[in-house]
Amino acid sequence: MSSLDDTHFGGEVKRFFDLPIFNRVRCSDPITSYEAADAAKDLASKHFSTIVDCLKAHGSLGKDGIARHSGLEANQVARRLNELQKMNLIRLTGRTVKSSAGRNEREWRAV
């Protein structure tokens, strides 16, 4: 049975403390930014698993396609893609797809 600290990535479970820490605040930022960054850690973890699971279920997609299939907002997806790439959980396909606005955007796939 998994605990609340477990994050699921397409069947693979990683504990929250196993995930890398990404800098979400600068030293010169006000205390409110530190509070927001602390709150964002839990959201980021949920977004990571949602995005990876979406790509595994639906195949390669662009940012807007991931948002459409996952229920996340496009800006939530965009904020996590490079982090997921650094974690080696997703990769660029080298292709582009049309965004919901009709512009080209990069296509991503689960590793």
PDB file of N, CA and C in Angstrom:
ATOM      1  N   MET A   1       0.842  -1.179   0.000  1.00  0.00           N
ATOM      2  CA  MET A   1       0.000   0.000   0.000  1.00  0.00           C
ATOM      3  C   MET A   1       0.884   1.238   0.000  1.00  0.00           C
ATOM      4  N   SER A   2       0.563   2.233  -0.808  1.00  0.00           N
ATOM      5  CA  SER A   2       1.391   3.424  -0.902  1.00  0.00           C
ATOM      6  C   SER A   2       0.960   4.467   0.112  1.00  0.00           C
ATOM      7  N   SER A   3       1.919   5.279   0.505  1.00  0.00           N
ATOM      8  CA  SER A   3       1.629   6.351   1.452  1.00  0.00           C
ATOM      9  C   SER A   3       1.382   7.639   0.686  1.00  0.00           C
ATOM     10  N   LEU A   4       1.021   8.672   1.421  1.00  0.00           N
ATOM     11  CA  LEU A   4       0.789   9.966   0.789  1.00  0.00           C
ATOM     12  C   LEU A   4       2.066  10.558   0.242  1.00  0.00           C
ATOM     13  N   ASP A   5       3.231  10.072   0.691  1.00  0.00           N
ATOM     14  CA  ASP A   5       4.502  10.586   0.210  1.00  0.00           C
ATOM     15  C   ASP A   5       4.968   9.902  -1.072  1.00  0.00           C
ATOM     16  N   ASP A   6       4.194   8.944  -1.587  1.00  0.00           N
ATOM     17  CA  ASP A   6       4.556   8.238  -2.812  1.00  0.00           C
ATOM     18  C   ASP A   6       4.008   8.980  -4.021  1.00  0.00           C
ATOM     19  N   THR A   7       4.793   9.014  -5.086  1.00  0.00           N
ATOM     20  CA  THR A   7       4.367   9.592  -6.349  1.00  0.00           C
ATOM     21  C   THR A   7       4.479   8.508  -7.396  1.00  0.00           C
ATOM     22  N   HIS A   8       3.435   8.302  -8.167  1.00  0.00           N
ATOM     23  CA  HIS A   8       3.403   7.238  -9.155  1.00  0.00           C
ATOM     24  C   HIS A   8       3.771   7.774 -10.534  1.00  0.00           C
ATOM     25  N   PHE A   9       4.694   7.125 -11.194  1.00  0.00           N
ATOM     26  CA  PHE A   9       5.117   7.476 -12.542  1.00  0.00           C
ATOM     27  C   PHE A   9       4.891   6.270 -13.429  1.00  0.00           C
ATOM     28  N   GLY A  10       3.666   6.136 -13.950  1.00  0.00           N
ATOM     29  CA  GLY A  10       3.353   5.040 -14.850  1.00  0.00           C
ATOM     30  C   GLY A  10       3.658   3.688 -14.241  1.00  0.00           C
ATOM     31  N   GLY A  11       3.281   3.471 -12.983  1.00  0.00           N
ATOM     32  CA  GLY A  11       3.501   2.199 -12.325  1.00  0.00           C
ATOM     33  C   GLY A  11       4.738   2.188 -11.446  1.00  0.00           C
ATOM     34  N   GLU A  12       5.704   3.063 -11.735  1.00  0.00           N
ATOM     35  CA  GLU A  12       6.899   3.154 -10.903  1.00  0.00           C
ATOM     36  C   GLU A  12       6.606   4.133  -9.769  1.00  0.00           C
ATOM     37  N   VAL A  13       6.992   3.782  -8.576  1.00  0.00           N
ATOM     38  CA  VAL A  13       6.738   4.647  -7.424  1.00  0.00           C
ATOM     39  C   VAL A  13       8.044   5.275  -6.976  1.00  0.00           C
ATOM     40  N   LYS A  14       8.020   6.592  -6.810  1.00  0.00           N
ATOM     41  CA  LYS A  14       9.155   7.306  -6.241  1.00  0.00           C
ATOM     42  C   LYS A  14       8.645   8.039  -5.015  1.00  0.00           C
ATOM     43  N   ARG A  15       9.417   8.039  -3.994  1.00  0.00           N
ATOM     44  CA  ARG A  15       9.046   8.798  -2.811  1.00  0.00           C
ATOM     45  C   ARG A  15       9.355  10.264  -3.062  1.00  0.00           C
ATOM     46  N   PHE A  16       8.553  11.127  -2.464  1.00  0.00           N
ATOM     47  CA  PHE A  16       8.735  12.560  -2.675  1.00  0.00           C
ATOM     48  C   PHE A  16      10.158  12.985  -2.359  1.00  0.00           C
ATOM     49  N   PHE A  17      10.749  12.416  -1.295  1.00  0.00           N
ATOM     50  CA  PHE A  17      12.097  12.826  -0.916  1.00  0.00           C
ATOM     51  C   PHE A  17      13.153  12.309  -1.886  1.00  0.00           C
ATOM     52  N   ASP A  18      12.791  11.402  -2.809  1.00  0.00           N
ATOM     53  CA  ASP A  18      13.719  10.923  -3.826  1.00  0.00           C
ATOM     54  C   ASP A  18      13.765  11.848  -5.039  1.00  0.00           C
ATOM     55  N   LEU A  19      12.791  12.743  -5.159  1.00  0.00           N
ATOM     56  CA  LEU A  19      12.727  13.632  -6.309  1.00  0.00           C
ATOM     57  C   LEU A  19      13.741  14.758  -6.153  1.00  0.00           C
ATOM     58  N   PRO A  20      14.334  15.224  -7.254  1.00  0.00           N
ATOM     59  CA  PRO A  20      15.306  16.308  -7.151  1.00  0.00           C
ATOM     60  C   PRO A  20      14.619  17.603  -6.718  1.00  0.00           C
ATOM     61  N   ILE A  21      15.393  18.472  -6.109  1.00  0.00           N
ATOM     62  CA  ILE A  21      14.892  19.773  -5.678  1.00  0.00           C
ATOM     63  C   ILE A  21      15.254  20.789  -6.767  1.00  0.00           C
ATOM     64  N   PHE A  22      14.247  21.468  -7.269  1.00  0.00           N
ATOM     65  CA  PHE A  22      14.473  22.507  -8.265  1.00  0.00           C
ATOM     66  C   PHE A  22      14.295  23.851  -7.590  1.00  0.00           C
ATOM     67  N   ASN A  23      15.215  24.759  -7.859  1.00  0.00           N
ATOM     68  CA  ASN A  23      15.189  26.069  -7.242  1.00  0.00           C
ATOM     69  C   ASN A  23      13.965  26.847  -7.722  1.00  0.00           C
ATOM     70  N   ARG A  24      13.069  27.184  -6.826  1.00  0.00           N
ATOM     71  CA  ARG A  24      11.851  27.897  -7.170  1.00  0.00           C
ATOM     72  C   ARG A  24      11.806  29.297  -6.561  1.00  0.00           C
ATOM     73  N   VAL A  25      12.898  29.705  -5.914  1.00  0.00           N
ATOM     74  CA  VAL A  25      12.933  31.009  -5.264  1.00  0.00           C
ATOM     75  C   VAL A  25      14.385  31.508  -5.239  1.00  0.00           C
ATOM     76  N   ARG A  26      14.546  32.819  -5.319  1.00  0.00           N
ATOM     77  CA  ARG A  26      15.874  33.434  -5.261  1.00  0.00           C
ATOM     78  C   ARG A  26      16.137  33.938  -3.842  1.00  0.00           C
ATOM     79  N   CYS A  27      17.396  34.066  -3.475  1.00  0.00           N
ATOM     80  CA  CYS A  27      17.765  34.546  -2.140  1.00  0.00           C
ATOM     81  C   CYS A  27      17.180  35.925  -1.855  1.00  0.00           C
ATOM     82  N   SER A  28      17.044  36.737  -2.880  1.00  0.00           N
ATOM     83  CA  SER A  28      16.568  38.113  -2.694  1.00  0.00           C
ATOM     84  C   SER A  28      15.039  38.232  -2.692  1.00  0.00           C
ATOM     85  N   ASP A  29      14.321  37.122  -2.894  1.00  0.00           N
ATOM     86  CA  ASP A  29      12.860  37.159  -2.940  1.00  0.00           C
ATOM     87  C   ASP A  29      12.275  37.377  -1.541  1.00  0.00           C
ATOM     88  N   PRO A  30      11.090  37.975  -1.480  1.00  0.00           N
ATOM     89  CA  PRO A  30      10.441  38.190  -0.180  1.00  0.00           C
ATOM     90  C   PRO A  30       9.940  36.875   0.415  1.00  0.00           C
ATOM     91  N   ILE A  31       9.597  36.911   1.677  1.00  0.00           N
ATOM     92  CA  ILE A  31       9.153  35.715   2.395  1.00  0.00           C
ATOM     93  C   ILE A  31       7.937  35.080   1.732  1.00  0.00           C
ATOM     94  N   THR A  32       7.074  35.884   1.130  1.00  0.00           N
ATOM     95  CA  THR A  32       5.891  35.325   0.474  1.00  0.00           C
ATOM     96  C   THR A  32       6.280  34.414  -0.680  1.00  0.00           C
ATOM     97  N   SER A  33       7.378  34.707  -1.353  1.00  0.00           N
ATOM     98  CA  SER A  33       7.850  33.836  -2.433  1.00  0.00           C
ATOM     99  C   SER A  33       8.346  32.506  -1.877  1.00  0.00           C
ATOM    100  N   TYR A  34       9.002  32.543  -0.736  1.00  0.00           N
ATOM    101  CA  TYR A  34       9.450  31.313  -0.092  1.00  0.00           C
ATOM    102  C   TYR A  34       8.252  30.458   0.315  1.00  0.00           C
ATOM    103  N   GLU A  35       7.218  31.094   0.829  1.00  0.00           N
ATOM    104  CA  GLU A  35       6.008  30.366   1.230  1.00  0.00           C
ATOM    105  C   GLU A  35       5.335  29.730   0.016  1.00  0.00           C
ATOM    106  N   ALA A  36       5.269  30.489  -1.085  1.00  0.00           N
ATOM    107  CA  ALA A  36       4.658  29.961  -2.304  1.00  0.00           C
ATOM    108  C   ALA A  36       5.481  28.801  -2.870  1.00  0.00           C
ATOM    109  N   ALA A  37       6.798  28.926  -2.834  1.00  0.00           N
ATOM    110  CA  ALA A  37       7.666  27.859  -3.334  1.00  0.00           C
ATOM    111  C   ALA A  37       7.507  26.591  -2.503  1.00  0.00           C
ATOM    112  N   ASP A  38       7.367  26.749  -1.201  1.00  0.00           N
ATOM    113  CA  ASP A  38       7.177  25.595  -0.330  1.00  0.00           C
ATOM    114  C   ASP A  38       5.864  24.890  -0.653  1.00  0.00           C
ATOM    115  N   ALA A  39       4.817  25.668  -0.878  1.00  0.00           N
ATOM    116  CA  ALA A  39       3.513  25.094  -1.229  1.00  0.00           C
ATOM    117  C   ALA A  39       3.553  24.429  -2.602  1.00  0.00           C
ATOM    118  N   ALA A  40       4.376  24.943  -3.513  1.00  0.00           N
ATOM    119  CA  ALA A  40       4.447  24.419  -4.879  1.00  0.00           C
ATOM    120  C   ALA A  40       5.102  23.038  -4.942  1.00  0.00           C
ATOM    121  N   LYS A  41       5.878  22.662  -3.935  1.00  0.00           N
ATOM    122  CA  LYS A  41       6.553  21.358  -3.959  1.00  0.00           C
ATOM    123  C   LYS A  41       5.555  20.213  -4.090  1.00  0.00           C
ATOM    124  N   ASP A  42       4.480  20.264  -3.323  1.00  0.00           N
ATOM    125  CA  ASP A  42       3.481  19.205  -3.396  1.00  0.00           C
ATOM    126  C   ASP A  42       2.778  19.201  -4.746  1.00  0.00           C
ATOM    127  N   LEU A  43       2.457  20.390  -5.254  1.00  0.00           N
ATOM    128  CA  LEU A  43       1.812  20.476  -6.567  1.00  0.00           C
ATOM    129  C   LEU A  43       2.732  19.951  -7.654  1.00  0.00           C
ATOM    130  N   ALA A  44       3.998  20.317  -7.604  1.00  0.00           N
ATOM    131  CA  ALA A  44       4.949  19.875  -8.622  1.00  0.00           C
ATOM    132  C   ALA A  44       5.013  18.359  -8.667  1.00  0.00           C
ATOM    133  N   SER A  45       5.041  17.729  -7.527  1.00  0.00           N
ATOM    134  CA  SER A  45       5.099  16.272  -7.466  1.00  0.00           C
ATOM    135  C   SER A  45       3.870  15.648  -8.124  1.00  0.00           C
ATOM    136  N   LYS A  46       2.705  16.189  -7.843  1.00  0.00           N
ATOM    137  CA  LYS A  46       1.476  15.685  -8.463  1.00  0.00           C
ATOM    138  C   LYS A  46       1.483  15.932  -9.965  1.00  0.00           C
ATOM    139  N   HIS A  47       1.975  17.103 -10.376  1.00  0.00           N
ATOM    140  CA  HIS A  47       2.038  17.413 -11.804  1.00  0.00           C
ATOM    141  C   HIS A  47       3.004  16.477 -12.522  1.00  0.00           C
ATOM    142  N   PHE A  48       4.146  16.180 -11.898  1.00  0.00           N
ATOM    143  CA  PHE A  48       5.109  15.258 -12.507  1.00  0.00           C
ATOM    144  C   PHE A  48       4.428  13.946 -12.867  1.00  0.00           C
ATOM    145  N   SER A  49       3.757  13.343 -11.903  1.00  0.00           N
ATOM    146  CA  SER A  49       3.152  12.034 -12.155  1.00  0.00           C
ATOM    147  C   SER A  49       2.009  12.125 -13.153  1.00  0.00           C
ATOM    148  N   THR A  50       1.228  13.195 -13.099  1.00  0.00           N
ATOM    149  CA  THR A  50       0.120  13.368 -14.036  1.00  0.00           C
ATOM    150  C   THR A  50       0.627  13.469 -15.469  1.00  0.00           C
ATOM    151  N   ILE A  51       1.689  14.223 -15.679  1.00  0.00           N
ATOM    152  CA  ILE A  51       2.234  14.422 -17.027  1.00  0.00           C
ATOM    153  C   ILE A  51       2.838  13.128 -17.561  1.00  0.00           C
ATOM    154  N   VAL A  52       3.648  12.445 -16.751  1.00  0.00           N
ATOM    155  CA  VAL A  52       4.274  11.194 -17.202  1.00  0.00           C
ATOM    156  C   VAL A  52       3.202  10.150 -17.502  1.00  0.00           C
ATOM    157  N   ASP A  53       2.232  10.020 -16.622  1.00  0.00           N
ATOM    158  CA  ASP A  53       1.154   9.054 -16.845  1.00  0.00           C
ATOM    159  C   ASP A  53       0.365   9.395 -18.110  1.00  0.00           C
ATOM    160  N   CYS A  54       0.141  10.668 -18.365  1.00  0.00           N
ATOM    161  CA  CYS A  54      -0.574  11.097 -19.570  1.00  0.00           C
ATOM    162  C   CYS A  54       0.195  10.693 -20.826  1.00  0.00           C
ATOM    163  N   LEU A  55       1.503  10.939 -20.841  1.00  0.00           N
ATOM    164  CA  LEU A  55       2.311  10.583 -22.012  1.00  0.00           C
ATOM    165  C   LEU A  55       2.359   9.071 -22.206  1.00  0.00           C
ATOM    166  N   LYS A  56       2.389   8.318 -21.134  1.00  0.00           N
ATOM    167  CA  LYS A  56       2.390   6.858 -21.261  1.00  0.00           C
ATOM    168  C   LYS A  56       1.050   6.356 -21.787  1.00  0.00           C
ATOM    169  N   ALA A  57      -0.017   7.001 -21.389  1.00  0.00           N
ATOM    170  CA  ALA A  57      -1.357   6.564 -21.806  1.00  0.00           C
ATOM    171  C   ALA A  57      -1.704   7.018 -23.223  1.00  0.00           C
ATOM    172  N   HIS A  58      -1.250   8.199 -23.633  1.00  0.00           N
ATOM    173  CA  HIS A  58      -1.696   8.778 -24.906  1.00  0.00           C
ATOM    174  C   HIS A  58      -0.598   8.890 -25.960  1.00  0.00           C
ATOM    175  N   GLY A  59       0.616   8.533 -25.614  1.00  0.00           N
ATOM    176  CA  GLY A  59       1.717   8.642 -26.563  1.00  0.00           C
ATOM    177  C   GLY A  59       2.291  10.047 -26.588  1.00  0.00           C
ATOM    178  N   SER A  60       3.123  10.314 -27.563  1.00  0.00           N
ATOM    179  CA  SER A  60       3.815  11.595 -27.664  1.00  0.00           C
ATOM    180  C   SER A  60       2.828  12.728 -27.896  1.00  0.00           C
ATOM    181  N   LEU A  61       3.041  13.838 -27.167  1.00  0.00           N
ATOM    182  CA  LEU A  61       2.156  14.992 -27.242  1.00  0.00           C
ATOM    183  C   LEU A  61       2.940  16.278 -27.030  1.00  0.00           C
ATOM    184  N   GLY A  62       2.369  17.371 -27.475  1.00  0.00           N
ATOM    185  CA  GLY A  62       2.890  18.692 -27.153  1.00  0.00           C
ATOM    186  C   GLY A  62       2.299  19.160 -25.839  1.00  0.00           C
ATOM    187  N   LYS A  63       2.746  20.313 -25.388  1.00  0.00           N
ATOM    188  CA  LYS A  63       2.281  20.880 -24.123  1.00  0.00           C
ATOM    189  C   LYS A  63       0.769  20.989 -24.059  1.00  0.00           C
ATOM    190  N   ASP A  64       0.149  21.494 -25.112  1.00  0.00           N
ATOM    191  CA  ASP A  64      -1.307  21.665 -25.105  1.00  0.00           C
ATOM    192  C   ASP A  64      -2.040  20.331 -25.147  1.00  0.00           C
ATOM    193  N   GLY A  65      -1.482  19.358 -25.837  1.00  0.00           N
ATOM    194  CA  GLY A  65      -2.078  18.022 -25.861  1.00  0.00           C
ATOM    195  C   GLY A  65      -2.020  17.368 -24.496  1.00  0.00           C
ATOM    196  N   ILE A  66      -0.898  17.546 -23.808  1.00  0.00           N
ATOM    197  CA  ILE A  66      -0.776  17.012 -22.456  1.00  0.00           C
ATOM    198  C   ILE A  66      -1.817  17.671 -21.555  1.00  0.00           C
ATOM    199  N   ALA A  67      -1.952  18.975 -21.671  1.00  0.00           N
ATOM    200  CA  ALA A  67      -2.927  19.705 -20.852  1.00  0.00           C
ATOM    201  C   ALA A  67      -4.343  19.202 -21.130  1.00  0.00           C
ATOM    202  N   ARG A  68      -4.671  19.028 -22.380  1.00  0.00           N
ATOM    203  CA  ARG A  68      -6.026  18.591 -22.760  1.00  0.00           C
ATOM    204  C   ARG A  68      -6.343  17.204 -22.188  1.00  0.00           C
ATOM    205  N   HIS A  69      -5.393  16.289 -22.293  1.00  0.00           N
ATOM    206  CA  HIS A  69      -5.631  14.912 -21.841  1.00  0.00           C
ATOM    207  C   HIS A  69      -5.499  14.737 -20.328  1.00  0.00           C
ATOM    208  N   SER A  70      -4.725  15.594 -19.688  1.00  0.00           N
ATOM    209  CA  SER A  70      -4.448  15.409 -18.258  1.00  0.00           C
ATOM    210  C   SER A  70      -5.356  16.211 -17.341  1.00  0.00           C
ATOM    211  N   GLY A  71      -5.982  17.250 -17.876  1.00  0.00           N
ATOM    212  CA  GLY A  71      -6.799  18.120 -17.039  1.00  0.00           C
ATOM    213  C   GLY A  71      -6.006  19.231 -16.377  1.00  0.00           C
ATOM    214  N   LEU A  72      -4.692  19.292 -16.623  1.00  0.00           N
ATOM    215  CA  LEU A  72      -3.876  20.391 -16.112  1.00  0.00           C
ATOM    216  C   LEU A  72      -4.002  21.590 -17.052  1.00  0.00           C
ATOM    217  N   GLU A  73      -3.667  22.762 -16.554  1.00  0.00           N
ATOM    218  CA  GLU A  73      -3.599  23.949 -17.393  1.00  0.00           C
ATOM    219  C   GLU A  73      -2.292  23.902 -18.186  1.00  0.00           C
ATOM    220  N   ALA A  74      -2.287  24.496 -19.376  1.00  0.00           N
ATOM    221  CA  ALA A  74      -1.092  24.477 -20.222  1.00  0.00           C
ATOM    222  C   ALA A  74       0.114  25.095 -19.514  1.00  0.00           C
ATOM    223  N   ASN A  75      -0.095  26.152 -18.727  1.00  0.00           N
ATOM    224  CA  ASN A  75       1.044  26.765 -18.033  1.00  0.00           C
ATOM    225  C   ASN A  75       1.581  25.850 -16.932  1.00  0.00           C
ATOM    226  N   GLN A  76       0.724  25.026 -16.320  1.00  0.00           N
ATOM    227  CA  GLN A  76       1.192  24.059 -15.324  1.00  0.00           C
ATOM    228  C   GLN A  76       2.064  23.004 -15.988  1.00  0.00           C
ATOM    229  N   VAL A  77       1.661  22.562 -17.160  1.00  0.00           N
ATOM    230  CA  VAL A  77       2.446  21.580 -17.911  1.00  0.00           C
ATOM    231  C   VAL A  77       3.781  22.188 -18.321  1.00  0.00           C
ATOM    232  N   ALA A  78       3.737  23.397 -18.878  1.00  0.00           N
ATOM    233  CA  ALA A  78       4.953  24.046 -19.379  1.00  0.00           C
ATOM    234  C   ALA A  78       6.004  24.200 -18.286  1.00  0.00           C
ATOM    235  N   ARG A  79       5.574  24.504 -17.076  1.00  0.00           N
ATOM    236  CA  ARG A  79       6.516  24.694 -15.963  1.00  0.00           C
ATOM    237  C   ARG A  79       7.230  23.403 -15.575  1.00  0.00           C
ATOM    238  N   ARG A  80       6.665  22.273 -15.863  1.00  0.00           N
ATOM    239  CA  ARG A  80       7.222  20.993 -15.418  1.00  0.00           C
ATOM    240  C   ARG A  80       8.015  20.238 -16.484  1.00  0.00           C
ATOM    241  N   LEU A  81       7.858  20.578 -17.761  1.00  0.00           N
ATOM    242  CA  LEU A  81       8.476  19.783 -18.825  1.00  0.00           C
ATOM    243  C   LEU A  81       9.994  19.731 -18.723  1.00  0.00           C
ATOM    244  N   ASN A  82      10.657  20.863 -18.554  1.00  0.00           N
ATOM    245  CA  ASN A  82      12.120  20.838 -18.475  1.00  0.00           C
ATOM    246  C   ASN A  82      12.598  20.113 -17.225  1.00  0.00           C
ATOM    247  N   GLU A  83      11.854  20.248 -16.110  1.00  0.00           N
ATOM    248  CA  GLU A  83      12.223  19.527 -14.898  1.00  0.00           C
ATOM    249  C   GLU A  83      12.114  18.017 -15.122  1.00  0.00           C
ATOM    250  N   LEU A  84      11.041  17.589 -15.756  1.00  0.00           N
ATOM    251  CA  LEU A  84      10.871  16.161 -16.049  1.00  0.00           C
ATOM    252  C   LEU A  84      11.954  15.662 -16.990  1.00  0.00           C
ATOM    253  N   GLN A  85      12.367  16.500 -17.927  1.00  0.00           N
ATOM    254  CA  GLN A  85      13.448  16.121 -18.838  1.00  0.00           C
ATOM    255  C   GLN A  85      14.755  15.949 -18.061  1.00  0.00           C
ATOM    256  N   LYS A  86      15.035  16.852 -17.122  1.00  0.00           N
ATOM    257  CA  LYS A  86      16.247  16.739 -16.301  1.00  0.00           C
ATOM    258  C   LYS A  86      16.215  15.498 -15.426  1.00  0.00           C
ATOM    259  N   MET A  87      15.029  15.037 -15.067  1.00  0.00           N
ATOM    260  CA  MET A  87      14.870  13.830 -14.261  1.00  0.00           C
ATOM    261  C   MET A  87      14.905  12.567 -15.123  1.00  0.00           C
ATOM    262  N   ASN A  88      15.067  12.726 -16.446  1.00  0.00           N
ATOM    263  CA  ASN A  88      15.084  11.618 -17.403  1.00  0.00           C
ATOM    264  C   ASN A  88      13.790  10.812 -17.400  1.00  0.00           C
ATOM    265  N   LEU A  89      12.666  11.480 -17.176  1.00  0.00           N
ATOM    266  CA  LEU A  89      11.365  10.823 -17.222  1.00  0.00           C
ATOM    267  C   LEU A  89      10.649  11.076 -18.540  1.00  0.00           C
ATOM    268  N   ILE A  90      11.012  12.161 -19.228  1.00  0.00           N
ATOM    269  CA  ILE A  90      10.462  12.452 -20.551  1.00  0.00           C
ATOM    270  C   ILE A  90      11.588  12.960 -21.448  1.00  0.00           C
ATOM    271  N   ARG A  91      11.340  12.898 -22.758  1.00  0.00           N
ATOM    272  CA  ARG A  91      12.305  13.393 -23.748  1.00  0.00           C
ATOM    273  C   ARG A  91      11.570  14.061 -24.885  1.00  0.00           C
ATOM    274  N   LEU A  92      12.272  14.958 -25.558  1.00  0.00           N
ATOM    275  CA  LEU A  92      11.754  15.541 -26.793  1.00  0.00           C
ATOM    276  C   LEU A  92      11.831  14.505 -27.896  1.00  0.00           C
ATOM    277  N   THR A  93      10.837  14.513 -28.783  1.00  0.00           N
ATOM    278  CA  THR A  93      10.860  13.571 -29.906  1.00  0.00           C
ATOM    279  C   THR A  93      11.639  14.123 -31.085  1.00  0.00           C
ATOM    280  N   GLY A  94      11.860  15.444 -31.112  1.00  0.00           N
ATOM    281  CA  GLY A  94      12.496  16.072 -32.264  1.00  0.00           C
ATOM    282  C   GLY A  94      11.476  16.560 -33.281  1.00  0.00           C
ATOM    283  N   ARG A  95      10.202  16.288 -33.022  1.00  0.00           N
ATOM    284  CA  ARG A  95       9.125  16.731 -33.908  1.00  0.00           C
ATOM    285  C   ARG A  95       8.357  17.881 -33.254  1.00  0.00           C
ATOM    286  N   THR A  96       7.566  18.550 -34.066  1.00  0.00           N
ATOM    287  CA  THR A  96       6.672  19.573 -33.537  1.00  0.00           C
ATOM    288  C   THR A  96       5.236  19.185 -33.857  1.00  0.00           C
ATOM    289  N   VAL A  97       4.318  19.684 -33.046  1.00  0.00           N
ATOM    290  CA  VAL A  97       2.888  19.491 -33.250  1.00  0.00           C
ATOM    291  C   VAL A  97       2.228  20.862 -33.136  1.00  0.00           C
ATOM    292  N   LYS A  98       1.016  20.971 -33.595  1.00  0.00           N
ATOM    293  CA  LYS A  98       0.299  22.239 -33.519  1.00  0.00           C
ATOM    294  C   LYS A  98      -0.276  22.425 -32.115  1.00  0.00           C
ATOM    295  N   SER A  99      -0.100  23.619 -31.577  1.00  0.00           N
ATOM    296  CA  SER A  99      -0.684  23.961 -30.282  1.00  0.00           C
ATOM    297  C   SER A  99      -2.165  24.250 -30.477  1.00  0.00           C
ATOM    298  N   SER A 100      -2.871  24.491 -29.393  1.00  0.00           N
ATOM    299  CA  SER A 100      -4.294  24.821 -29.504  1.00  0.00           C
ATOM    300  C   SER A 100      -4.499  26.155 -30.219  1.00  0.00           C
ATOM    301  N   ALA A 101      -3.455  26.989 -30.270  1.00  0.00           N
ATOM    302  CA  ALA A 101      -3.528  28.267 -30.987  1.00  0.00           C
ATOM    303  C   ALA A 101      -3.058  28.137 -32.433  1.00  0.00           C
ATOM    304  N   GLY A 102      -2.661  26.922 -32.841  1.00  0.00           N
ATOM    305  CA  GLY A 102      -2.225  26.693 -34.213  1.00  0.00           C
ATOM    306  C   GLY A 102      -0.744  26.940 -34.459  1.00  0.00           C
ATOM    307  N   ARG A 103       0.013  27.222 -33.415  1.00  0.00           N
ATOM    308  CA  ARG A 103       1.461  27.430 -33.562  1.00  0.00           C
ATOM    309  C   ARG A 103       2.190  26.113 -33.289  1.00  0.00           C
ATOM    310  N   ASN A 104       3.409  26.015 -33.826  1.00  0.00           N
ATOM    311  CA  ASN A 104       4.211  24.821 -33.580  1.00  0.00           C
ATOM    312  C   ASN A 104       4.710  24.801 -32.142  1.00  0.00           C
ATOM    313  N   GLU A 105       4.659  23.622 -31.526  1.00  0.00           N
ATOM    314  CA  GLU A 105       5.255  23.433 -30.209  1.00  0.00           C
ATOM    315  C   GLU A 105       5.974  22.091 -30.202  1.00  0.00           C
ATOM    316  N   ARG A 106       6.934  21.970 -29.315  1.00  0.00           N
ATOM    317  CA  ARG A 106       7.732  20.740 -29.244  1.00  0.00           C
ATOM    318  C   ARG A 106       6.881  19.575 -28.758  1.00  0.00           C
ATOM    319  N   GLU A 107       7.220  18.389 -29.264  1.00  0.00           N
ATOM    320  CA  GLU A 107       6.516  17.165 -28.872  1.00  0.00           C
ATOM    321  C   GLU A 107       7.377  16.393 -27.877  1.00  0.00           C
ATOM    322  N   TRP A 108       6.722  15.852 -26.837  1.00  0.00           N
ATOM    323  CA  TRP A 108       7.389  15.133 -25.763  1.00  0.00           C
ATOM    324  C   TRP A 108       6.916  13.700 -25.705  1.00  0.00           C
ATOM    325  N   ARG A 109       7.768  12.806 -25.184  1.00  0.00           N
ATOM    326  CA  ARG A 109       7.386  11.412 -24.992  1.00  0.00           C
ATOM    327  C   ARG A 109       7.906  10.936 -23.639  1.00  0.00           C
ATOM    328  N   ALA A 110       7.235   9.963 -23.074  1.00  0.00           N
ATOM    329  CA  ALA A 110       7.703   9.350 -21.827  1.00  0.00           C
ATOM    330  C   ALA A 110       8.896   8.458 -22.136  1.00  0.00           C
ATOM    331  N   VAL A 111       9.790   8.349 -21.199  1.00  0.00           N
ATOM    332  CA  VAL A 111      10.991   7.509 -21.362  1.00  0.00           C
ATOM    333  C   VAL A 111      10.650   6.093 -20.926  1.00  0.00           C
TER     334      VAL A 111
END
